[in-house]
Amino acid sequence: MSSVQPTVIVLASGQGERFKASGGQVHKLQALLNGKKIIDWTLDAVRASGLPWHVEDAGHPGMGDSIAAAVRATLQSDPQTPGWLILPADLPLVKPATLLAVADALRSADHVVPMFNAQRGHPVGFGAVYGQALSNLKGNRGAAQLNIAGEAIELIVNDKGCVTDIDTLQDLERVERLLAGNQ
């Protein structure tokens, strides 16, 4: 039986090299943000959305490889999946409402990008029509290599978290200040 909603793919395969190079002592997804691991913040938002989800953390060589593996895995468990929301695991402040808004927009569009203050954010939504192309991705460019940006519906969201990722120790400190209300 097919899921009614698209599947959130949480990308957690990266090496976190920039975080370590900036002084981080652990992998960025294991770093603590207000006492909780970054990945747990992201997963809490995904769980709160109620959407089906899949964590891809097998250590693939590039983001494209990670997306492809996750799409293939979800198609194996549900060949009729209506689409995917691609969400890097380093976005701890993303709101469940944003996930739901992108999922809802996929009902009438095949490619949806959330926008906050004219910035492209995540999760990026792809309808089932992109299943084959996504499952064949390779390399570091992720889904950007599909060259379909002009086809995306830009969905305006009120969610700074969809554009607030953590790549460095300084990013982590900035997010801590955001949570404290000091930025």
N, C-alpha and C. Protein backbone atom coordinates (compact mmCIF):
# COMPACT_ATOMS: atom_id res chain seq x y z
N MET A 1 0.84 -1.19 0.00
CA MET A 1 0.00 0.00 0.00
C MET A 1 0.88 1.24 0.00
N SER A 2 0.55 2.19 -0.82
CA SER A 2 1.36 3.40 -0.95
C SER A 2 1.08 4.38 0.18
N SER A 3 2.14 5.05 0.59
CA SER A 3 1.94 6.11 1.57
C SER A 3 1.24 7.27 0.89
N VAL A 4 0.41 7.97 1.62
CA VAL A 4 -0.31 9.11 1.07
C VAL A 4 0.60 10.33 0.99
N GLN A 5 1.59 10.35 1.82
CA GLN A 5 2.50 11.49 1.90
C GLN A 5 3.88 11.12 1.34
N PRO A 6 4.61 12.14 0.88
CA PRO A 6 5.99 11.88 0.46
C PRO A 6 6.85 11.52 1.67
N THR A 7 7.97 10.89 1.39
CA THR A 7 8.89 10.46 2.43
C THR A 7 9.98 11.51 2.63
N VAL A 8 10.24 11.85 3.88
CA VAL A 8 11.35 12.75 4.20
C VAL A 8 12.62 11.92 4.22
N ILE A 9 13.58 12.32 3.41
CA ILE A 9 14.89 11.68 3.41
C ILE A 9 15.84 12.57 4.20
N VAL A 10 16.29 12.07 5.34
CA VAL A 10 17.21 12.81 6.20
C VAL A 10 18.63 12.37 5.83
N LEU A 11 19.39 13.30 5.26
CA LEU A 11 20.74 13.00 4.81
C LEU A 11 21.73 13.17 5.95
N ALA A 12 22.32 12.05 6.37
CA ALA A 12 23.26 12.06 7.50
C ALA A 12 24.54 11.30 7.17
N SER A 13 24.91 11.29 5.89
CA SER A 13 26.06 10.51 5.45
C SER A 13 27.36 11.29 5.37
N GLY A 14 27.28 12.62 5.43
CA GLY A 14 28.47 13.44 5.22
C GLY A 14 29.53 13.23 6.30
N GLN A 15 30.74 13.64 5.98
CA GLN A 15 31.88 13.47 6.88
C GLN A 15 31.99 14.59 7.92
N GLY A 16 31.36 15.73 7.68
CA GLY A 16 31.45 16.84 8.63
C GLY A 16 32.84 17.44 8.70
N GLU A 17 33.56 17.43 7.59
CA GLU A 17 34.95 17.89 7.58
C GLU A 17 35.10 19.37 7.93
N ARG A 18 34.20 20.22 7.43
CA ARG A 18 34.30 21.65 7.74
C ARG A 18 34.11 21.91 9.23
N PHE A 19 33.22 21.12 9.86
CA PHE A 19 32.99 21.28 11.29
C PHE A 19 34.25 20.93 12.08
N LYS A 20 34.86 19.82 11.73
CA LYS A 20 36.10 19.41 12.41
C LYS A 20 37.22 20.40 12.14
N ALA A 21 37.32 20.89 10.91
CA ALA A 21 38.37 21.86 10.56
C ALA A 21 38.19 23.18 11.32
N SER A 22 36.94 23.48 11.71
CA SER A 22 36.68 24.73 12.43
C SER A 22 36.89 24.60 13.94
N GLY A 23 37.29 23.41 14.39
CA GLY A 23 37.56 23.21 15.81
C GLY A 23 36.61 22.26 16.51
N GLY A 24 35.62 21.74 15.78
CA GLY A 24 34.69 20.78 16.38
C GLY A 24 35.41 19.51 16.78
N GLN A 25 35.06 18.95 17.93
CA GLN A 25 35.73 17.76 18.45
C GLN A 25 35.01 16.46 18.11
N VAL A 26 33.77 16.56 17.62
CA VAL A 26 32.98 15.39 17.25
C VAL A 26 32.37 15.65 15.87
N HIS A 27 31.75 14.64 15.29
CA HIS A 27 31.01 14.85 14.04
C HIS A 27 29.91 15.87 14.32
N LYS A 28 29.66 16.75 13.36
CA LYS A 28 28.72 17.85 13.60
C LYS A 28 27.33 17.36 14.00
N LEU A 29 26.88 16.23 13.48
CA LEU A 29 25.55 15.75 13.82
C LEU A 29 25.47 15.22 15.25
N GLN A 30 26.65 14.91 15.83
CA GLN A 30 26.71 14.44 17.21
C GLN A 30 26.99 15.58 18.19
N ALA A 31 27.32 16.75 17.65
CA ALA A 31 27.59 17.92 18.51
C ALA A 31 26.32 18.29 19.26
N LEU A 32 26.50 18.80 20.47
CA LEU A 32 25.35 19.16 21.30
C LEU A 32 24.92 20.60 21.06
N LEU A 33 23.62 20.76 20.93
CA LEU A 33 22.98 22.06 20.81
C LEU A 33 21.97 22.12 21.96
N ASN A 34 22.26 22.95 22.93
CA ASN A 34 21.41 23.02 24.14
C ASN A 34 21.19 21.64 24.75
N GLY A 35 22.26 20.84 24.80
CA GLY A 35 22.21 19.55 25.47
C GLY A 35 21.65 18.39 24.66
N LYS A 36 21.30 18.65 23.39
CA LYS A 36 20.75 17.59 22.54
C LYS A 36 21.53 17.55 21.23
N LYS A 37 21.78 16.35 20.72
CA LYS A 37 22.53 16.20 19.47
C LYS A 37 21.80 16.90 18.33
N ILE A 38 22.58 17.49 17.42
CA ILE A 38 22.01 18.20 16.28
C ILE A 38 21.06 17.30 15.49
N ILE A 39 21.48 16.07 15.21
CA ILE A 39 20.62 15.18 14.44
C ILE A 39 19.30 14.92 15.17
N ASP A 40 19.32 14.88 16.49
CA ASP A 40 18.09 14.64 17.24
C ASP A 40 17.12 15.82 17.11
N TRP A 41 17.64 17.03 17.04
CA TRP A 41 16.79 18.20 16.80
C TRP A 41 16.06 18.02 15.47
N THR A 42 16.82 17.67 14.44
CA THR A 42 16.25 17.51 13.10
C THR A 42 15.23 16.37 13.09
N LEU A 43 15.59 15.24 13.67
CA LEU A 43 14.68 14.10 13.69
C LEU A 43 13.42 14.39 14.50
N ASP A 44 13.54 15.17 15.55
CA ASP A 44 12.34 15.55 16.33
C ASP A 44 11.36 16.32 15.46
N ALA A 45 11.87 17.22 14.62
CA ALA A 45 11.00 17.98 13.71
C ALA A 45 10.34 17.06 12.70
N VAL A 46 11.12 16.13 12.17
CA VAL A 46 10.59 15.17 11.18
C VAL A 46 9.50 14.32 11.83
N ARG A 47 9.77 13.79 13.00
CA ARG A 47 8.77 12.97 13.70
C ARG A 47 7.50 13.78 13.99
N ALA A 48 7.68 15.02 14.42
CA ALA A 48 6.53 15.87 14.75
C ALA A 48 5.67 16.17 13.52
N SER A 49 6.26 16.11 12.34
CA SER A 49 5.49 16.37 11.12
C SER A 49 4.51 15.23 10.83
N GLY A 50 4.82 14.04 11.32
CA GLY A 50 3.98 12.88 11.05
C GLY A 50 4.20 12.27 9.67
N LEU A 51 5.13 12.81 8.90
CA LEU A 51 5.43 12.28 7.58
C LEU A 51 6.29 11.02 7.69
N PRO A 52 6.19 10.12 6.73
CA PRO A 52 7.11 8.98 6.73
C PRO A 52 8.53 9.49 6.49
N TRP A 53 9.52 8.76 7.01
CA TRP A 53 10.89 9.25 6.88
C TRP A 53 11.89 8.11 6.81
N HIS A 54 13.07 8.47 6.31
CA HIS A 54 14.16 7.52 6.15
C HIS A 54 15.46 8.27 6.42
N VAL A 55 16.30 7.76 7.31
CA VAL A 55 17.62 8.36 7.56
C VAL A 55 18.64 7.62 6.70
N GLU A 56 19.40 8.39 5.93
CA GLU A 56 20.46 7.80 5.12
C GLU A 56 21.79 8.19 5.75
N ASP A 57 22.43 7.22 6.41
CA ASP A 57 23.66 7.51 7.15
C ASP A 57 24.75 6.48 6.87
N ALA A 58 24.72 5.89 5.68
CA ALA A 58 25.65 4.81 5.35
C ALA A 58 27.05 5.29 4.93
N GLY A 59 27.32 6.57 4.97
CA GLY A 59 28.66 7.05 4.66
C GLY A 59 28.99 7.01 3.18
N HIS A 60 28.09 7.43 2.33
CA HIS A 60 28.31 7.46 0.89
C HIS A 60 29.34 8.52 0.53
N PRO A 61 30.00 8.38 -0.64
CA PRO A 61 31.05 9.34 -1.01
C PRO A 61 30.54 10.75 -1.30
N GLY A 62 29.31 10.91 -1.72
CA GLY A 62 28.80 12.24 -2.03
C GLY A 62 27.32 12.35 -1.74
N MET A 63 26.82 13.59 -1.72
CA MET A 63 25.40 13.82 -1.43
C MET A 63 24.51 13.15 -2.48
N GLY A 64 24.93 13.19 -3.75
CA GLY A 64 24.15 12.53 -4.79
C GLY A 64 24.01 11.04 -4.53
N ASP A 65 25.11 10.43 -4.12
CA ASP A 65 25.09 8.99 -3.81
C ASP A 65 24.15 8.70 -2.64
N SER A 66 24.15 9.58 -1.65
CA SER A 66 23.27 9.41 -0.48
C SER A 66 21.81 9.52 -0.87
N ILE A 67 21.49 10.53 -1.67
CA ILE A 67 20.11 10.71 -2.11
C ILE A 67 19.67 9.48 -2.91
N ALA A 68 20.53 9.04 -3.84
CA ALA A 68 20.19 7.89 -4.68
C ALA A 68 19.92 6.65 -3.83
N ALA A 69 20.78 6.38 -2.86
CA ALA A 69 20.59 5.20 -2.01
C ALA A 69 19.29 5.30 -1.24
N ALA A 70 18.98 6.48 -0.72
CA ALA A 70 17.75 6.66 0.07
C ALA A 70 16.51 6.50 -0.80
N VAL A 71 16.52 7.09 -1.99
CA VAL A 71 15.37 6.96 -2.88
C VAL A 71 15.17 5.50 -3.28
N ARG A 72 16.25 4.81 -3.60
CA ARG A 72 16.13 3.38 -3.94
C ARG A 72 15.56 2.59 -2.76
N ALA A 73 16.02 2.89 -1.56
CA ALA A 73 15.52 2.17 -0.37
C ALA A 73 14.03 2.43 -0.16
N THR A 74 13.61 3.68 -0.32
CA THR A 74 12.19 3.98 -0.10
C THR A 74 11.32 3.40 -1.21
N LEU A 75 11.85 3.37 -2.43
CA LEU A 75 11.08 2.76 -3.52
C LEU A 75 10.96 1.25 -3.34
N GLN A 76 11.97 0.65 -2.72
CA GLN A 76 11.91 -0.79 -2.44
C GLN A 76 10.79 -1.10 -1.45
N SER A 77 10.65 -0.26 -0.43
CA SER A 77 9.61 -0.50 0.57
C SER A 77 8.24 0.00 0.11
N ASP A 78 8.21 0.98 -0.80
CA ASP A 78 6.94 1.51 -1.31
C ASP A 78 7.13 1.99 -2.75
N PRO A 79 6.94 1.10 -3.73
CA PRO A 79 7.15 1.48 -5.13
C PRO A 79 6.23 2.60 -5.62
N GLN A 80 5.16 2.86 -4.88
CA GLN A 80 4.21 3.90 -5.28
C GLN A 80 4.35 5.19 -4.48
N THR A 81 5.51 5.39 -3.85
CA THR A 81 5.67 6.60 -3.04
C THR A 81 5.40 7.84 -3.89
N PRO A 82 4.68 8.81 -3.34
CA PRO A 82 4.34 9.99 -4.13
C PRO A 82 5.46 11.04 -4.23
N GLY A 83 6.58 10.82 -3.55
CA GLY A 83 7.67 11.78 -3.66
C GLY A 83 8.55 11.79 -2.44
N TRP A 84 9.48 12.74 -2.43
CA TRP A 84 10.49 12.82 -1.38
C TRP A 84 10.75 14.27 -1.00
N LEU A 85 11.05 14.47 0.27
CA LEU A 85 11.55 15.74 0.77
C LEU A 85 12.99 15.50 1.19
N ILE A 86 13.92 16.16 0.53
CA ILE A 86 15.34 15.96 0.80
C ILE A 86 15.76 16.96 1.88
N LEU A 87 16.16 16.43 3.04
CA LEU A 87 16.46 17.26 4.21
C LEU A 87 17.83 16.90 4.78
N PRO A 88 18.83 17.78 4.62
CA PRO A 88 20.11 17.53 5.30
C PRO A 88 19.88 17.49 6.81
N ALA A 89 20.59 16.61 7.49
CA ALA A 89 20.39 16.41 8.93
C ALA A 89 20.95 17.55 9.77
N ASP A 90 21.66 18.49 9.14
CA ASP A 90 22.28 19.58 9.90
C ASP A 90 21.44 20.85 9.94
N LEU A 91 20.12 20.71 9.86
CA LEU A 91 19.19 21.84 9.95
C LEU A 91 18.32 21.67 11.20
N PRO A 92 18.90 21.87 12.38
CA PRO A 92 18.19 21.54 13.63
C PRO A 92 16.98 22.41 13.94
N LEU A 93 16.86 23.56 13.30
CA LEU A 93 15.76 24.45 13.62
C LEU A 93 14.61 24.39 12.62
N VAL A 94 14.70 23.51 11.62
CA VAL A 94 13.62 23.42 10.65
C VAL A 94 12.32 23.08 11.38
N LYS A 95 11.24 23.69 10.95
CA LYS A 95 9.95 23.49 11.62
C LYS A 95 9.15 22.36 10.97
N PRO A 96 8.46 21.59 11.78
CA PRO A 96 7.57 20.57 11.22
C PRO A 96 6.57 21.17 10.23
N ALA A 97 6.11 22.38 10.49
CA ALA A 97 5.16 23.03 9.59
C ALA A 97 5.74 23.25 8.19
N THR A 98 7.05 23.49 8.11
CA THR A 98 7.69 23.66 6.81
C THR A 98 7.70 22.34 6.06
N LEU A 99 8.01 21.25 6.77
CA LEU A 99 7.97 19.94 6.14
C LEU A 99 6.58 19.65 5.59
N LEU A 100 5.58 19.94 6.38
CA LEU A 100 4.20 19.69 5.95
C LEU A 100 3.79 20.59 4.79
N ALA A 101 4.26 21.83 4.79
CA ALA A 101 3.93 22.76 3.70
C ALA A 101 4.55 22.29 2.38
N VAL A 102 5.79 21.84 2.42
CA VAL A 102 6.43 21.33 1.21
C VAL A 102 5.72 20.06 0.74
N ALA A 103 5.40 19.17 1.66
CA ALA A 103 4.68 17.94 1.30
C ALA A 103 3.34 18.28 0.66
N ASP A 104 2.63 19.26 1.22
CA ASP A 104 1.33 19.65 0.68
C ASP A 104 1.49 20.26 -0.72
N ALA A 105 2.52 21.07 -0.91
CA ALA A 105 2.75 21.69 -2.22
C ALA A 105 3.06 20.65 -3.29
N LEU A 106 3.63 19.52 -2.89
CA LEU A 106 3.93 18.46 -3.85
C LEU A 106 2.67 17.81 -4.41
N ARG A 107 1.53 18.08 -3.81
CA ARG A 107 0.28 17.54 -4.35
C ARG A 107 -0.05 18.17 -5.70
N SER A 108 0.44 19.40 -5.92
CA SER A 108 0.13 20.10 -7.18
C SER A 108 1.36 20.51 -7.97
N ALA A 109 2.54 20.12 -7.52
CA ALA A 109 3.79 20.44 -8.23
C ALA A 109 4.74 19.27 -8.08
N ASP A 110 5.67 19.15 -9.02
CA ASP A 110 6.63 18.04 -8.96
C ASP A 110 7.96 18.43 -8.34
N HIS A 111 8.18 19.72 -8.14
CA HIS A 111 9.46 20.17 -7.58
C HIS A 111 9.19 21.44 -6.76
N VAL A 112 9.48 21.38 -5.46
CA VAL A 112 9.15 22.48 -4.55
C VAL A 112 10.38 22.85 -3.72
N VAL A 113 10.66 24.15 -3.66
CA VAL A 113 11.79 24.64 -2.87
C VAL A 113 11.25 25.67 -1.87
N PRO A 114 11.45 25.44 -0.57
CA PRO A 114 11.03 26.46 0.39
C PRO A 114 11.97 27.66 0.32
N MET A 115 11.39 28.84 0.51
CA MET A 115 12.15 30.09 0.45
C MET A 115 11.91 30.88 1.73
N PHE A 116 13.00 31.35 2.32
CA PHE A 116 12.92 32.22 3.49
C PHE A 116 13.76 33.46 3.20
N ASN A 117 13.15 34.62 3.22
CA ASN A 117 13.85 35.88 2.93
C ASN A 117 14.67 35.78 1.64
N ALA A 118 14.06 35.28 0.59
CA ALA A 118 14.65 35.15 -0.75
C ALA A 118 15.82 34.16 -0.80
N GLN A 119 15.95 33.32 0.22
CA GLN A 119 16.99 32.27 0.25
C GLN A 119 16.35 30.92 0.02
N ARG A 120 16.96 30.11 -0.84
CA ARG A 120 16.49 28.75 -1.05
C ARG A 120 16.83 27.92 0.19
N GLY A 121 15.88 27.11 0.63
CA GLY A 121 16.08 26.31 1.83
C GLY A 121 15.81 24.84 1.60
N HIS A 122 15.63 24.14 2.71
CA HIS A 122 15.33 22.71 2.72
C HIS A 122 14.16 22.47 3.66
N PRO A 123 13.42 21.42 3.46
CA PRO A 123 13.65 20.34 2.52
C PRO A 123 13.19 20.72 1.11
N VAL A 124 13.89 20.20 0.11
CA VAL A 124 13.48 20.37 -1.27
C VAL A 124 12.60 19.17 -1.61
N GLY A 125 11.45 19.46 -2.17
CA GLY A 125 10.50 18.40 -2.50
C GLY A 125 10.57 17.98 -3.95
N PHE A 126 10.48 16.68 -4.16
CA PHE A 126 10.46 16.10 -5.50
C PHE A 126 9.31 15.12 -5.60
N GLY A 127 8.52 15.25 -6.65
CA GLY A 127 7.43 14.32 -6.89
C GLY A 127 7.95 13.00 -7.44
N ALA A 128 7.07 12.02 -7.51
CA ALA A 128 7.43 10.68 -7.96
C ALA A 128 8.03 10.67 -9.36
N VAL A 129 7.68 11.64 -10.18
CA VAL A 129 8.20 11.71 -11.54
C VAL A 129 9.73 11.79 -11.56
N TYR A 130 10.34 12.25 -10.48
CA TYR A 130 11.79 12.36 -10.38
C TYR A 130 12.46 11.13 -9.76
N GLY A 131 11.69 10.11 -9.46
CA GLY A 131 12.24 8.93 -8.79
C GLY A 131 13.43 8.31 -9.49
N GLN A 132 13.31 8.08 -10.78
CA GLN A 132 14.40 7.45 -11.54
C GLN A 132 15.64 8.35 -11.55
N ALA A 133 15.45 9.63 -11.82
CA ALA A 133 16.59 10.55 -11.87
C ALA A 133 17.28 10.65 -10.51
N LEU A 134 16.49 10.73 -9.44
CA LEU A 134 17.07 10.81 -8.10
C LEU A 134 17.82 9.53 -7.75
N SER A 135 17.27 8.40 -8.13
CA SER A 135 17.91 7.12 -7.77
C SER A 135 19.19 6.86 -8.55
N ASN A 136 19.47 7.67 -9.56
CA ASN A 136 20.69 7.53 -10.35
C ASN A 136 21.74 8.60 -10.04
N LEU A 137 21.51 9.46 -9.05
CA LEU A 137 22.45 10.52 -8.73
C LEU A 137 23.77 9.96 -8.22
N LYS A 138 24.84 10.72 -8.47
CA LYS A 138 26.17 10.38 -7.97
C LYS A 138 26.90 11.69 -7.67
N GLY A 139 27.93 11.61 -6.85
CA GLY A 139 28.80 12.76 -6.64
C GLY A 139 28.34 13.70 -5.53
N ASN A 140 29.00 14.84 -5.47
CA ASN A 140 28.82 15.79 -4.36
C ASN A 140 27.74 16.84 -4.57
N ARG A 141 27.22 17.00 -5.76
CA ARG A 141 26.30 18.10 -6.01
C ARG A 141 24.85 17.80 -5.62
N GLY A 142 24.58 16.65 -5.15
CA GLY A 142 23.22 16.32 -4.75
C GLY A 142 22.26 16.41 -5.92
N ALA A 143 21.04 16.83 -5.64
CA ALA A 143 20.02 16.92 -6.68
C ALA A 143 20.21 18.14 -7.56
N ALA A 144 21.10 19.06 -7.19
CA ALA A 144 21.36 20.24 -8.02
C ALA A 144 21.81 19.83 -9.42
N GLN A 145 22.43 18.67 -9.54
CA GLN A 145 22.92 18.23 -10.84
C GLN A 145 21.80 17.86 -11.80
N LEU A 146 20.57 17.77 -11.33
CA LEU A 146 19.45 17.47 -12.21
C LEU A 146 19.12 18.66 -13.11
N ASN A 147 19.61 19.85 -12.75
CA ASN A 147 19.44 21.05 -13.56
C ASN A 147 17.96 21.33 -13.84
N ILE A 148 17.17 21.33 -12.79
CA ILE A 148 15.73 21.56 -12.93
C ILE A 148 15.27 22.76 -12.11
N ALA A 149 16.22 23.62 -11.70
CA ALA A 149 15.89 24.73 -10.82
C ALA A 149 14.77 25.60 -11.38
N GLY A 150 14.74 25.81 -12.68
CA GLY A 150 13.71 26.64 -13.28
C GLY A 150 12.33 26.04 -13.17
N GLU A 151 12.26 24.74 -12.93
CA GLU A 151 10.98 24.07 -12.83
C GLU A 151 10.41 24.07 -11.42
N ALA A 152 11.16 24.57 -10.46
CA ALA A 152 10.73 24.50 -9.05
C ALA A 152 9.68 25.56 -8.73
N ILE A 153 8.73 25.14 -7.94
CA ILE A 153 7.79 26.07 -7.33
C ILE A 153 8.48 26.61 -6.08
N GLU A 154 8.58 27.92 -5.96
CA GLU A 154 9.19 28.51 -4.77
C GLU A 154 8.10 28.77 -3.75
N LEU A 155 8.20 28.09 -2.62
CA LEU A 155 7.21 28.16 -1.56
C LEU A 155 7.74 29.06 -0.45
N ILE A 156 7.12 30.19 -0.26
CA ILE A 156 7.54 31.14 0.78
C ILE A 156 7.12 30.58 2.14
N VAL A 157 8.11 30.46 3.04
CA VAL A 157 7.83 29.95 4.38
C VAL A 157 8.39 30.93 5.42
N ASN A 158 7.79 30.91 6.58
CA ASN A 158 8.26 31.73 7.70
C ASN A 158 9.05 30.82 8.64
N ASP A 159 10.23 30.42 8.16
CA ASP A 159 11.02 29.45 8.90
C ASP A 159 12.51 29.66 8.63
N LYS A 160 13.13 30.44 9.49
CA LYS A 160 14.57 30.68 9.36
C LYS A 160 15.34 29.36 9.47
N GLY A 161 14.76 28.38 10.13
CA GLY A 161 15.40 27.08 10.31
C GLY A 161 15.63 26.33 9.01
N CYS A 162 14.86 26.64 7.96
CA CYS A 162 15.03 25.93 6.70
C CYS A 162 16.27 26.39 5.95
N VAL A 163 16.89 27.49 6.41
CA VAL A 163 18.12 28.00 5.78
C VAL A 163 19.27 28.09 6.78
N THR A 164 19.06 27.54 7.98
CA THR A 164 20.07 27.64 9.05
C THR A 164 20.71 26.28 9.30
N ASP A 165 21.77 26.02 8.52
CA ASP A 165 22.46 24.74 8.69
C ASP A 165 23.71 24.95 9.55
N ILE A 166 24.26 23.85 9.99
CA ILE A 166 25.46 23.89 10.84
C ILE A 166 26.59 23.17 10.11
N ASP A 167 27.54 23.96 9.62
CA ASP A 167 28.71 23.40 8.95
C ASP A 167 29.99 23.61 9.74
N THR A 168 29.98 24.61 10.64
CA THR A 168 31.19 24.94 11.41
C THR A 168 30.83 25.13 12.88
N LEU A 169 31.85 25.17 13.71
CA LEU A 169 31.65 25.45 15.13
C LEU A 169 31.01 26.83 15.31
N GLN A 170 31.39 27.78 14.45
CA GLN A 170 30.81 29.12 14.51
C GLN A 170 29.32 29.09 14.18
N ASP A 171 28.92 28.24 13.23
CA ASP A 171 27.50 28.08 12.92
C ASP A 171 26.75 27.55 14.13
N LEU A 172 27.34 26.59 14.83
CA LEU A 172 26.72 26.04 16.03
C LEU A 172 26.53 27.13 17.08
N GLU A 173 27.54 27.95 17.27
CA GLU A 173 27.45 29.05 18.24
C GLU A 173 26.37 30.05 17.84
N ARG A 174 26.24 30.32 16.52
CA ARG A 174 25.21 31.24 16.02
C ARG A 174 23.82 30.67 16.29
N VAL A 175 23.65 29.36 16.07
CA VAL A 175 22.35 28.73 16.32
C VAL A 175 22.03 28.73 17.81
N GLU A 176 23.03 28.53 18.65
CA GLU A 176 22.80 28.63 20.09
C GLU A 176 22.32 30.01 20.47
N ARG A 177 22.90 31.06 19.85
CA ARG A 177 22.45 32.43 20.12
C ARG A 177 21.02 32.63 19.62
N LEU A 178 20.69 32.07 18.47
CA LEU A 178 19.32 32.16 17.94
C LEU A 178 18.33 31.55 18.93
N LEU A 179 18.66 30.37 19.44
CA LEU A 179 17.77 29.71 20.39
C LEU A 179 17.62 30.51 21.67
N ALA A 180 18.68 31.21 22.05
CA ALA A 180 18.64 32.03 23.25
C ALA A 180 17.92 33.36 23.01
N GLY A 181 17.59 33.64 21.73
CA GLY A 181 16.92 34.88 21.41
C GLY A 181 17.84 36.07 21.29
N ASN A 182 19.13 35.80 21.09
CA ASN A 182 20.11 36.90 21.03
C ASN A 182 20.59 37.20 19.62
N GLN A 183 19.82 36.82 18.62
CA GLN A 183 20.23 37.13 17.26
C GLN A 183 19.02 37.26 16.37
